[in-house]
Amino acid sequence: MTTETVLITGASSGIGHATAEAFLDAEWSVWATARDESDLRALREAGCTTAELDVTRPAQCRDVVEELVEAEGRLDCLVNNAGYGQMGAVEDVTTRRLNKQFDVNVYGPHRLIRAALPHMRERGEGTIINLSSVSGRVSTPGMGVYSASKFALEGLSDALRGEVQPHGIDVALVEPGPVETEFSARAADELEPVEASGAYDRVYRFFEDFDAVSGGFASSQPEDVAAVVLEAASTTDPDPRYPVGPAARAMLLARYAPDRIRDRVVDLLYKLA
């Protein structure tokens, strides 16, 4: 029996690292990638093939996929996990930083999808799993740029799913709520250079304790998300969307509330911050 092969981006820590371990435990051939390959030492020692992959570099995206297919003869699953959160009021975030957010969170997955699809189409099977977020379905003040990138990824995935289904290829979105990873620390780093205009102080007060934003209550563990990714990759008919964690499921219910009511609830929360 031929071993199934998965390519995972952003595997140096958090969800990506846990996902690589989950696929290894399930006896897949795992290609774990990150911007700095030295961060993947533990996964390499555990049995992963590792590679440097910066998803903002088109040639590198193509080369890693080609190297994998040449070595393994097949690519069964692509997990687009690499990403980060650019927080800040929409007016305060520069267009340059907006572009950087989209370059990683949207254009990066698109580059890898374009590199992977010809190989999957040739074999008539494969699965693409895009790591989105509950923020890709519900946006709140201070998270507009990050949410915009995840909304875009969701729209891209919905269209792609219908396009590739006739070729035997599945597309699934995994939508975690708050997860206990280094995401909040990276988000804080990305927020620091943002020059606040002074008009949105309540938004930044809300971000002072990022646990309030990342939902210290009802947070999931990276392993919880990894288990869902593996499930989506292993089933013959994956769901279009997989919300992960009680906070994600609760927050997604807000989509069904009238917009004005949702806005009032959010306004109250930010006033209390």
C-alpha atoms as a PDB file:
ATOM      1  CA  MET A   1       0.000   0.000   0.000  1.00  0.00           C
ATOM      2  CA  THR A   2       1.379   3.405  -1.011  1.00  0.00           C
ATOM      3  CA  THR A   3       1.788   5.898   1.806  1.00  0.00           C
ATOM      4  CA  GLU A   4      -0.311   9.043   1.484  1.00  0.00           C
ATOM      5  CA  THR A   5       1.612  12.315   1.408  1.00  0.00           C
ATOM      6  CA  VAL A   6       0.764  15.690   2.935  1.00  0.00           C
ATOM      7  CA  LEU A   7       2.424  19.098   2.581  1.00  0.00           C
ATOM      8  CA  ILE A   8       1.945  21.434   5.559  1.00  0.00           C
ATOM      9  CA  THR A   9       2.936  25.105   5.649  1.00  0.00           C
ATOM     10  CA  GLY A  10       3.759  27.040   8.816  1.00  0.00           C
ATOM     11  CA  ALA A  11       4.727  23.893  10.711  1.00  0.00           C
ATOM     12  CA  SER A  12       7.337  25.406  13.036  1.00  0.00           C
ATOM     13  CA  SER A  13       4.938  25.747  15.972  1.00  0.00           C
ATOM     14  CA  GLY A  14       1.319  25.785  17.087  1.00  0.00           C
ATOM     15  CA  ILE A  15      -1.326  24.309  14.821  1.00  0.00           C
ATOM     16  CA  GLY A  16       1.096  23.495  12.000  1.00  0.00           C
ATOM     17  CA  HIS A  17       3.474  21.607  14.291  1.00  0.00           C
ATOM     18  CA  ALA A  18       0.635  19.678  15.931  1.00  0.00           C
ATOM     19  CA  THR A  19      -0.833  18.867  12.518  1.00  0.00           C
ATOM     20  CA  ALA A  20       2.464  17.429  11.301  1.00  0.00           C
ATOM     21  CA  GLU A  21       2.615  15.224  14.402  1.00  0.00           C
ATOM     22  CA  ALA A  22      -0.987  14.080  13.889  1.00  0.00           C
ATOM     23  CA  PHE A  23      -0.335  13.034  10.290  1.00  0.00           C
ATOM     24  CA  LEU A  24       2.875  11.272  11.340  1.00  0.00           C
ATOM     25  CA  ASP A  25       0.969   9.315  13.967  1.00  0.00           C
ATOM     26  CA  ALA A  26      -1.511   8.322  11.249  1.00  0.00           C
ATOM     27  CA  GLU A  27       1.442   7.017   9.198  1.00  0.00           C
ATOM     28  CA  TRP A  28       1.311   9.578   6.414  1.00  0.00           C
ATOM     29  CA  SER A  29       4.461  10.763   4.670  1.00  0.00           C
ATOM     30  CA  VAL A  30       4.713  14.310   6.038  1.00  0.00           C
ATOM     31  CA  TRP A  31       6.459  17.258   4.423  1.00  0.00           C
ATOM     32  CA  ALA A  32       6.620  19.978   7.065  1.00  0.00           C
ATOM     33  CA  THR A  33       7.669  23.445   5.954  1.00  0.00           C
ATOM     34  CA  ALA A  34       8.432  26.828   7.504  1.00  0.00           C
ATOM     35  CA  ARG A  35      10.248  30.057   6.652  1.00  0.00           C
ATOM     36  CA  ASP A  36      13.205  28.907   8.768  1.00  0.00           C
ATOM     37  CA  GLU A  37      13.879  25.203   8.298  1.00  0.00           C
ATOM     38  CA  SER A  38      15.973  25.105  11.475  1.00  0.00           C
ATOM     39  CA  ASP A  39      12.720  25.563  13.430  1.00  0.00           C
ATOM     40  CA  LEU A  40      11.604  22.146  12.138  1.00  0.00           C
ATOM     41  CA  ARG A  41      14.399  20.134  13.718  1.00  0.00           C
ATOM     42  CA  ALA A  42      12.110  18.276  16.141  1.00  0.00           C
ATOM     43  CA  LEU A  43       9.740  17.291  13.352  1.00  0.00           C
ATOM     44  CA  ARG A  44      12.622  16.162  11.169  1.00  0.00           C
ATOM     45  CA  GLU A  45      13.930  13.975  13.988  1.00  0.00           C
ATOM     46  CA  ALA A  46      10.410  12.573  14.456  1.00  0.00           C
ATOM     47  CA  GLY A  47      10.294  11.444  10.831  1.00  0.00           C
ATOM     48  CA  CYS A  48       9.052  14.376   8.744  1.00  0.00           C
ATOM     49  CA  THR A  49      10.726  15.562   5.582  1.00  0.00           C
ATOM     50  CA  THR A  50      11.353  19.264   6.099  1.00  0.00           C
ATOM     51  CA  ALA A  51      11.879  22.158   3.724  1.00  0.00           C
ATOM     52  CA  GLU A  52      12.263  25.921   3.815  1.00  0.00           C
ATOM     53  CA  LEU A  53       9.130  27.537   2.443  1.00  0.00           C
ATOM     54  CA  ASP A  54       8.199  31.188   2.594  1.00  0.00           C
ATOM     55  CA  VAL A  55       4.698  31.327   1.127  1.00  0.00           C
ATOM     56  CA  THR A  56       5.314  34.886  -0.140  1.00  0.00           C
ATOM     57  CA  ARG A  57       7.956  33.555  -2.569  1.00  0.00           C
ATOM     58  CA  PRO A  58       6.268  32.161  -5.701  1.00  0.00           C
ATOM     59  CA  ALA A  59       9.278  30.246  -7.026  1.00  0.00           C
ATOM     60  CA  GLN A  60       9.837  28.575  -3.674  1.00  0.00           C
ATOM     61  CA  CYS A  61       6.177  27.489  -3.534  1.00  0.00           C
ATOM     62  CA  ARG A  62       6.478  25.866  -6.960  1.00  0.00           C
ATOM     63  CA  ASP A  63       9.849  24.293  -6.220  1.00  0.00           C
ATOM     64  CA  VAL A  64       8.800  22.637  -2.941  1.00  0.00           C
ATOM     65  CA  VAL A  65       5.714  21.097  -4.544  1.00  0.00           C
ATOM     66  CA  GLU A  66       7.761  19.826  -7.496  1.00  0.00           C
ATOM     67  CA  GLU A  67      10.425  18.420  -5.153  1.00  0.00           C
ATOM     68  CA  LEU A  68       7.758  16.612  -3.122  1.00  0.00           C
ATOM     69  CA  VAL A  69       6.061  15.078  -6.162  1.00  0.00           C
ATOM     70  CA  GLU A  70       9.379  13.989  -7.632  1.00  0.00           C
ATOM     71  CA  ALA A  71      10.380  12.316  -4.367  1.00  0.00           C
ATOM     72  CA  GLU A  72       7.006  10.827  -3.359  1.00  0.00           C
ATOM     73  CA  GLY A  73       5.271  10.391  -6.692  1.00  0.00           C
ATOM     74  CA  ARG A  74       2.061  11.903  -5.305  1.00  0.00           C
ATOM     75  CA  LEU A  75       0.590  14.756  -3.270  1.00  0.00           C
ATOM     76  CA  ASP A  76      -2.581  13.669  -1.504  1.00  0.00           C
ATOM     77  CA  CYS A  77      -3.195  16.663   0.740  1.00  0.00           C
ATOM     78  CA  LEU A  78      -2.120  20.293   0.929  1.00  0.00           C
ATOM     79  CA  VAL A  79      -2.626  22.006   4.292  1.00  0.00           C
ATOM     80  CA  ASN A  80      -2.381  25.782   3.962  1.00  0.00           C
ATOM     81  CA  ASN A  81      -1.722  26.689   7.587  1.00  0.00           C
ATOM     82  CA  ALA A  82       0.877  29.489   7.433  1.00  0.00           C
ATOM     83  CA  GLY A  83      -0.584  32.809   8.491  1.00  0.00           C
ATOM     84  CA  TYR A  84      -0.640  35.574  11.090  1.00  0.00           C
ATOM     85  CA  GLY A  85      -2.964  38.281  12.373  1.00  0.00           C
ATOM     86  CA  GLN A  86      -2.579  41.993  11.645  1.00  0.00           C
ATOM     87  CA  MET A  87      -4.653  43.795  14.252  1.00  0.00           C
ATOM     88  CA  GLY A  88      -5.504  47.493  14.468  1.00  0.00           C
ATOM     89  CA  ALA A  89      -8.223  49.918  13.441  1.00  0.00           C
ATOM     90  CA  VAL A  90      -8.763  49.900   9.672  1.00  0.00           C
ATOM     91  CA  GLU A  91      -7.773  53.576   9.316  1.00  0.00           C
ATOM     92  CA  ASP A  92      -4.574  53.076  11.290  1.00  0.00           C
ATOM     93  CA  VAL A  93      -3.249  50.056   9.360  1.00  0.00           C
ATOM     94  CA  THR A  94      -1.256  51.173   6.336  1.00  0.00           C
ATOM     95  CA  THR A  95      -1.958  49.764   2.884  1.00  0.00           C
ATOM     96  CA  ARG A  96       1.537  48.289   2.915  1.00  0.00           C
ATOM     97  CA  ARG A  97       0.712  46.261   6.025  1.00  0.00           C
ATOM     98  CA  LEU A  98      -2.663  45.302   4.534  1.00  0.00           C
ATOM     99  CA  ASN A  99      -0.864  43.993   1.467  1.00  0.00           C
ATOM    100  CA  LYS A 100       1.567  42.041   3.647  1.00  0.00           C
ATOM    101  CA  GLN A 101      -1.375  40.445   5.463  1.00  0.00           C
ATOM    102  CA  PHE A 102      -2.953  39.345   2.193  1.00  0.00           C
ATOM    103  CA  ASP A 103       0.405  38.198   0.801  1.00  0.00           C
ATOM    104  CA  VAL A 104       0.730  35.628   3.574  1.00  0.00           C
ATOM    105  CA  ASN A 105      -2.886  34.732   4.351  1.00  0.00           C
ATOM    106  CA  VAL A 106      -4.407  34.773   0.846  1.00  0.00           C
ATOM    107  CA  TYR A 107      -1.811  34.964  -1.912  1.00  0.00           C
ATOM    108  CA  GLY A 108       0.368  32.343  -0.188  1.00  0.00           C
ATOM    109  CA  PRO A 109      -2.352  29.660  -0.170  1.00  0.00           C
ATOM    110  CA  HIS A 110      -3.247  30.645  -3.742  1.00  0.00           C
ATOM    111  CA  ARG A 111       0.359  30.126  -4.876  1.00  0.00           C
ATOM    112  CA  LEU A 112       0.478  26.662  -3.351  1.00  0.00           C
ATOM    113  CA  ILE A 113      -2.970  25.712  -4.662  1.00  0.00           C
ATOM    114  CA  ARG A 114      -1.861  26.608  -8.191  1.00  0.00           C
ATOM    115  CA  ALA A 115       1.317  24.558  -7.765  1.00  0.00           C
ATOM    116  CA  ALA A 116      -0.482  21.527  -6.322  1.00  0.00           C
ATOM    117  CA  LEU A 117      -3.604  21.288  -8.483  1.00  0.00           C
ATOM    118  CA  PRO A 118      -2.033  20.065 -11.734  1.00  0.00           C
ATOM    119  CA  HIS A 119      -0.563  17.061  -9.888  1.00  0.00           C
ATOM    120  CA  MET A 120      -3.791  16.300  -8.029  1.00  0.00           C
ATOM    121  CA  ARG A 121      -5.814  16.683 -11.219  1.00  0.00           C
ATOM    122  CA  GLU A 122      -3.519  14.281 -13.068  1.00  0.00           C
ATOM    123  CA  ARG A 123      -4.183  11.618 -10.428  1.00  0.00           C
ATOM    124  CA  GLY A 124      -7.875  12.470 -10.178  1.00  0.00           C
ATOM    125  CA  GLU A 125      -7.818  12.890  -6.404  1.00  0.00           C
ATOM    126  CA  GLY A 126      -6.518  15.045  -3.571  1.00  0.00           C
ATOM    127  CA  THR A 127      -7.595  17.311  -0.745  1.00  0.00           C
ATOM    128  CA  ILE A 128      -6.846  20.984  -0.120  1.00  0.00           C
ATOM    129  CA  ILE A 129      -7.385  22.174   3.450  1.00  0.00           C
ATOM    130  CA  ASN A 130      -7.254  25.899   4.135  1.00  0.00           C
ATOM    131  CA  LEU A 131      -6.862  27.080   7.722  1.00  0.00           C
ATOM    132  CA  SER A 132      -9.271  29.941   8.162  1.00  0.00           C
ATOM    133  CA  SER A 133     -10.726  31.257  11.429  1.00  0.00           C
ATOM    134  CA  VAL A 134     -13.994  32.154  13.042  1.00  0.00           C
ATOM    135  CA  SER A 135     -12.830  35.675  12.100  1.00  0.00           C
ATOM    136  CA  GLY A 136     -13.336  34.633   8.506  1.00  0.00           C
ATOM    137  CA  ARG A 137     -17.070  34.522   9.187  1.00  0.00           C
ATOM    138  CA  VAL A 138     -17.540  37.247  11.841  1.00  0.00           C
ATOM    139  CA  SER A 139     -15.539  40.497  11.955  1.00  0.00           C
ATOM    140  CA  THR A 140     -15.171  42.824  14.940  1.00  0.00           C
ATOM    141  CA  PRO A 141     -13.501  46.230  15.535  1.00  0.00           C
ATOM    142  CA  GLY A 142      -9.736  46.093  15.453  1.00  0.00           C
ATOM    143  CA  MET A 143      -9.677  42.872  13.450  1.00  0.00           C
ATOM    144  CA  GLY A 144     -10.805  44.219  10.087  1.00  0.00           C
ATOM    145  CA  VAL A 145      -7.557  43.581   8.210  1.00  0.00           C
ATOM    146  CA  TYR A 146      -7.104  40.052   9.552  1.00  0.00           C
ATOM    147  CA  SER A 147     -10.783  39.239   9.029  1.00  0.00           C
ATOM    148  CA  ALA A 148     -10.648  40.617   5.494  1.00  0.00           C
ATOM    149  CA  SER A 149      -7.850  38.178   4.648  1.00  0.00           C
ATOM    150  CA  LYS A 150      -9.783  35.248   6.107  1.00  0.00           C
ATOM    151  CA  PHE A 151     -13.061  36.327   4.448  1.00  0.00           C
ATOM    152  CA  ALA A 152     -11.100  36.346   1.173  1.00  0.00           C
ATOM    153  CA  LEU A 153      -9.691  32.877   1.839  1.00  0.00           C
ATOM    154  CA  GLU A 154     -13.199  31.597   2.539  1.00  0.00           C
ATOM    155  CA  GLY A 155     -14.535  33.052  -0.721  1.00  0.00           C
ATOM    156  CA  LEU A 156     -11.595  31.628  -2.652  1.00  0.00           C
ATOM    157  CA  SER A 157     -12.182  28.198  -1.118  1.00  0.00           C
ATOM    158  CA  ASP A 158     -15.924  28.178  -1.811  1.00  0.00           C
ATOM    159  CA  ALA A 159     -15.349  28.910  -5.494  1.00  0.00           C
ATOM    160  CA  LEU A 160     -12.463  26.450  -5.721  1.00  0.00           C
ATOM    161  CA  ARG A 161     -14.511  23.653  -4.195  1.00  0.00           C
ATOM    162  CA  GLY A 162     -17.012  23.748  -7.047  1.00  0.00           C
ATOM    163  CA  GLU A 163     -14.311  24.128  -9.683  1.00  0.00           C
ATOM    164  CA  VAL A 164     -12.225  21.098  -8.706  1.00  0.00           C
ATOM    165  CA  GLN A 165     -14.986  18.724  -7.562  1.00  0.00           C
ATOM    166  CA  PRO A 166     -15.403  17.263 -11.086  1.00  0.00           C
ATOM    167  CA  HIS A 167     -11.697  16.365 -10.997  1.00  0.00           C
ATOM    168  CA  GLY A 168     -12.053  14.304  -7.801  1.00  0.00           C
ATOM    169  CA  ILE A 169     -10.457  16.952  -5.584  1.00  0.00           C
ATOM    170  CA  ASP A 170     -11.929  18.094  -2.259  1.00  0.00           C
ATOM    171  CA  VAL A 171     -11.583  21.497  -0.578  1.00  0.00           C
ATOM    172  CA  ALA A 172     -12.269  22.057   3.119  1.00  0.00           C
ATOM    173  CA  LEU A 173     -12.021  25.046   5.438  1.00  0.00           C
ATOM    174  CA  VAL A 174     -11.017  24.596   9.072  1.00  0.00           C
ATOM    175  CA  GLU A 175     -12.263  27.475  11.234  1.00  0.00           C
ATOM    176  CA  PRO A 176     -10.775  27.514  14.731  1.00  0.00           C
ATOM    177  CA  GLY A 177     -11.899  29.848  17.439  1.00  0.00           C
ATOM    178  CA  PRO A 178      -9.297  30.932  20.014  1.00  0.00           C
ATOM    179  CA  VAL A 179      -6.354  28.506  20.165  1.00  0.00           C
ATOM    180  CA  GLU A 180      -3.552  28.498  22.721  1.00  0.00           C
ATOM    181  CA  THR A 181      -0.602  29.165  20.401  1.00  0.00           C
ATOM    182  CA  GLU A 182       1.954  31.910  19.744  1.00  0.00           C
ATOM    183  CA  PHE A 183      -0.585  33.633  17.475  1.00  0.00           C
ATOM    184  CA  SER A 184      -1.389  36.296  20.077  1.00  0.00           C
ATOM    185  CA  ALA A 185       2.302  37.112  20.618  1.00  0.00           C
ATOM    186  CA  ARG A 186       2.860  37.521  16.867  1.00  0.00           C
ATOM    187  CA  ALA A 187      -0.307  39.622  16.619  1.00  0.00           C
ATOM    188  CA  ALA A 188       0.967  41.869  19.411  1.00  0.00           C
ATOM    189  CA  ASP A 189       4.260  42.286  17.540  1.00  0.00           C
ATOM    190  CA  GLU A 190       2.420  43.232  14.341  1.00  0.00           C
ATOM    191  CA  LEU A 191       0.215  45.683  16.248  1.00  0.00           C
ATOM    192  CA  GLU A 192       3.131  47.538  17.852  1.00  0.00           C
ATOM    193  CA  PRO A 193       4.279  49.428  14.696  1.00  0.00           C
ATOM    194  CA  VAL A 194       0.727  50.561  13.894  1.00  0.00           C
ATOM    195  CA  GLU A 195       0.466  54.308  14.514  1.00  0.00           C
ATOM    196  CA  ALA A 196      -2.781  54.911  16.362  1.00  0.00           C
ATOM    197  CA  SER A 197      -4.656  57.987  15.179  1.00  0.00           C
ATOM    198  CA  GLY A 198      -6.144  58.568  18.629  1.00  0.00           C
ATOM    199  CA  ALA A 199      -9.680  58.079  17.348  1.00  0.00           C
ATOM    200  CA  TYR A 200      -9.976  54.426  18.349  1.00  0.00           C
ATOM    201  CA  ASP A 201      -8.632  54.233  21.890  1.00  0.00           C
ATOM    202  CA  ARG A 202     -11.324  51.824  23.023  1.00  0.00           C
ATOM    203  CA  VAL A 203     -10.240  49.361  20.324  1.00  0.00           C
ATOM    204  CA  TYR A 204      -6.663  49.387  21.560  1.00  0.00           C
ATOM    205  CA  ARG A 205      -7.744  49.122  25.187  1.00  0.00           C
ATOM    206  CA  PHE A 206      -9.514  45.954  24.172  1.00  0.00           C
ATOM    207  CA  PHE A 207      -6.258  44.654  22.691  1.00  0.00           C
ATOM    208  CA  GLU A 208      -4.100  45.501  25.728  1.00  0.00           C
ATOM    209  CA  ASP A 209      -4.902  42.106  27.198  1.00  0.00           C
ATOM    210  CA  PHE A 210      -4.871  39.994  24.079  1.00  0.00           C
ATOM    211  CA  ASP A 211      -6.284  37.029  25.992  1.00  0.00           C
ATOM    212  CA  ALA A 212      -9.568  38.938  25.963  1.00  0.00           C
ATOM    213  CA  VAL A 213      -9.443  38.917  22.180  1.00  0.00           C
ATOM    214  CA  SER A 214      -8.140  35.398  21.718  1.00  0.00           C
ATOM    215  CA  GLY A 215     -10.750  34.170  24.161  1.00  0.00           C
ATOM    216  CA  GLY A 216      -8.784  32.827  27.108  1.00  0.00           C
ATOM    217  CA  PHE A 217     -12.109  31.241  27.977  1.00  0.00           C
ATOM    218  CA  ALA A 218     -13.032  28.147  25.956  1.00  0.00           C
ATOM    219  CA  SER A 219      -9.738  28.131  24.051  1.00  0.00           C
ATOM    220  CA  SER A 220      -8.815  25.052  22.055  1.00  0.00           C
ATOM    221  CA  GLN A 221      -5.443  23.356  21.963  1.00  0.00           C
ATOM    222  CA  PRO A 222      -3.404  23.038  18.737  1.00  0.00           C
ATOM    223  CA  GLU A 223      -3.929  19.286  18.929  1.00  0.00           C
ATOM    224  CA  ASP A 224      -7.702  19.819  18.754  1.00  0.00           C
ATOM    225  CA  VAL A 225      -7.346  21.654  15.465  1.00  0.00           C
ATOM    226  CA  ALA A 226      -4.815  19.123  14.161  1.00  0.00           C
ATOM    227  CA  ALA A 227      -7.254  16.282  14.795  1.00  0.00           C
ATOM    228  CA  VAL A 228      -9.912  18.057  12.723  1.00  0.00           C
ATOM    229  CA  VAL A 229      -7.454  18.711   9.877  1.00  0.00           C
ATOM    230  CA  LEU A 230      -6.513  15.018   9.838  1.00  0.00           C
ATOM    231  CA  GLU A 231     -10.186  14.059   9.843  1.00  0.00           C
ATOM    232  CA  ALA A 232     -10.879  16.323   6.860  1.00  0.00           C
ATOM    233  CA  ALA A 233      -7.897  14.865   4.996  1.00  0.00           C
ATOM    234  CA  SER A 234      -8.818  11.252   5.740  1.00  0.00           C
ATOM    235  CA  THR A 235     -12.514  11.215   4.872  1.00  0.00           C
ATOM    236  CA  THR A 236     -13.681  10.517   1.323  1.00  0.00           C
ATOM    237  CA  ASP A 237     -16.280  13.305   1.496  1.00  0.00           C
ATOM    238  CA  PRO A 238     -15.070  16.108   3.792  1.00  0.00           C
ATOM    239  CA  ASP A 239     -17.422  18.827   4.985  1.00  0.00           C
ATOM    240  CA  PRO A 240     -16.970  22.238   3.357  1.00  0.00           C
ATOM    241  CA  ARG A 241     -16.336  23.784   6.804  1.00  0.00           C
ATOM    242  CA  TYR A 242     -15.107  22.544  10.165  1.00  0.00           C
ATOM    243  CA  PRO A 243     -15.518  25.001  13.074  1.00  0.00           C
ATOM    244  CA  VAL A 244     -13.224  23.999  15.941  1.00  0.00           C
ATOM    245  CA  GLY A 245     -13.947  24.592  19.620  1.00  0.00           C
ATOM    246  CA  PRO A 246     -16.925  25.759  21.643  1.00  0.00           C
ATOM    247  CA  ALA A 247     -16.009  29.432  21.258  1.00  0.00           C
ATOM    248  CA  ALA A 248     -15.946  29.077  17.466  1.00  0.00           C
ATOM    249  CA  ARG A 249     -19.340  27.433  17.373  1.00  0.00           C
ATOM    250  CA  ALA A 250     -20.799  30.060  19.715  1.00  0.00           C
ATOM    251  CA  MET A 251     -19.309  32.974  17.763  1.00  0.00           C
ATOM    252  CA  LEU A 252     -20.564  31.590  14.454  1.00  0.00           C
ATOM    253  CA  LEU A 253     -24.102  31.775  15.781  1.00  0.00           C
ATOM    254  CA  ALA A 254     -23.661  35.555  15.792  1.00  0.00           C
ATOM    255  CA  ARG A 255     -23.782  35.464  11.992  1.00  0.00           C
ATOM    256  CA  TYR A 256     -27.481  34.708  12.209  1.00  0.00           C
ATOM    257  CA  ALA A 257     -28.281  37.717  14.397  1.00  0.00           C
ATOM    258  CA  PRO A 258     -29.443  40.875  12.602  1.00  0.00           C
ATOM    259  CA  ASP A 259     -26.475  43.118  11.838  1.00  0.00           C
ATOM    260  CA  ARG A 260     -27.707  46.019  13.978  1.00  0.00           C
ATOM    261  CA  ILE A 261     -28.176  43.776  17.016  1.00  0.00           C
ATOM    262  CA  ARG A 262     -24.748  42.254  16.554  1.00  0.00           C
ATOM    263  CA  ASP A 263     -23.221  45.720  16.216  1.00  0.00           C
ATOM    264  CA  ARG A 264     -24.865  46.850  19.445  1.00  0.00           C
ATOM    265  CA  VAL A 265     -23.577  43.829  21.352  1.00  0.00           C
ATOM    266  CA  VAL A 266     -20.040  44.383  20.055  1.00  0.00           C
ATOM    267  CA  ASP A 267     -20.272  48.094  20.863  1.00  0.00           C
ATOM    268  CA  LEU A 268     -21.234  47.273  24.435  1.00  0.00           C
ATOM    269  CA  LEU A 269     -18.327  44.837  24.833  1.00  0.00           C
ATOM    270  CA  TYR A 270     -15.826  47.414  23.618  1.00  0.00           C
ATOM    271  CA  LYS A 271     -17.258  50.098  25.877  1.00  0.00           C
ATOM    272  CA  LEU A 272     -16.795  47.790  28.860  1.00  0.00           C
ATOM    273  CA  ALA A 273     -13.180  47.021  27.945  1.00  0.00           C
END
